C-alpha cells in the first residue's frame, strides 16, 4: 500500500488550526492567571490584608 502524502492545502489547514489552538491556549493562560490573581486578592482581603497592599492599580 502506498504511503499517503499530505497535500499543500491540508498542510495549510493544519497550520491554521495549530495557530488557532495556540491563540486559544495563550488566552486561556491569560484568563487563568487573571482569575488566580483576583482570587488571591479576594482571599487576602478576607483575611484582613489592606486592599491597597494587594491592588497594584491603586499605587
Protein backbone atom coordinates (compact mmCIF):
# COMPACT_ATOMS: atom_id res chain seq x y z
CA UNK A 1 0.00 0.00 0.00
CA UNK A 2 1.50 3.38 -0.97
CA UNK A 3 2.17 5.92 1.76
CA UNK A 4 -0.39 8.72 1.90
CA UNK A 5 1.02 12.12 1.05
CA UNK A 6 -0.26 15.33 2.58
CA UNK A 7 -1.34 17.97 0.12
CA UNK A 8 -0.30 21.60 0.43
CA UNK A 9 -3.87 22.65 1.22
CA UNK A 10 -4.01 20.09 4.06
CA UNK A 11 -0.75 21.43 5.43
CA UNK A 12 -2.11 24.99 5.24
CA UNK A 13 -5.31 23.93 7.02
CA UNK A 14 -3.27 22.25 9.76
CA UNK A 15 -1.10 25.35 10.15
CA UNK A 16 -4.21 27.49 10.57
CA UNK A 17 -5.66 25.04 13.09
CA UNK A 18 -2.40 24.98 15.06
CA UNK A 19 -2.24 28.78 15.10
CA UNK A 20 -5.84 28.99 16.36
CA UNK A 21 -5.15 26.43 19.07
CA UNK A 22 -2.04 28.34 20.19
CA UNK A 23 -4.09 31.54 20.42
CA UNK A 24 -6.78 29.79 22.46
CA UNK A 25 -4.19 28.34 24.83
CA UNK A 26 -2.50 31.73 25.24
CA UNK A 27 -5.85 33.32 26.01
CA UNK A 28 -6.68 30.54 28.46
CA UNK A 29 -3.31 31.01 30.19
CA UNK A 30 -4.02 34.73 30.49
CA UNK A 31 -7.50 34.18 31.87
CA UNK A 32 -6.23 31.58 34.32
CA UNK A 33 -3.56 33.99 35.57
CA UNK A 34 -6.13 36.79 35.89
CA UNK A 35 -8.56 34.55 37.76
CA UNK A 36 -5.88 33.32 40.17
CA UNK A 37 -4.75 36.90 40.82
CA UNK A 38 -8.31 38.06 41.53
CA UNK A 39 -8.95 35.06 43.77
CA UNK A 40 -5.73 35.69 45.72
CA UNK A 41 -6.68 39.36 46.22
CA UNK A 42 -10.15 38.44 47.48
CA UNK A 43 -8.75 35.81 49.83
CA UNK A 44 -6.12 38.20 51.17
CA UNK A 45 -8.72 40.93 51.66
CA UNK A 46 -10.95 38.47 53.50
CA UNK A 47 -8.01 37.61 55.74
CA UNK A 48 -7.58 41.25 56.70
CA UNK A 49 -4.89 42.43 54.32
CA UNK A 50 -5.35 46.08 53.37
CA UNK A 51 -6.51 46.18 49.71
CA UNK A 52 -4.01 48.97 48.98
CA UNK A 53 -1.23 46.44 49.53
CA UNK A 54 -2.90 43.99 47.17
CA UNK A 55 -4.20 46.16 44.33
CA UNK A 56 -1.36 47.29 42.09
CA UNK A 57 -3.66 49.72 40.27
CA UNK A 58 -4.15 51.71 43.50
CA UNK A 59 -0.45 52.56 43.67
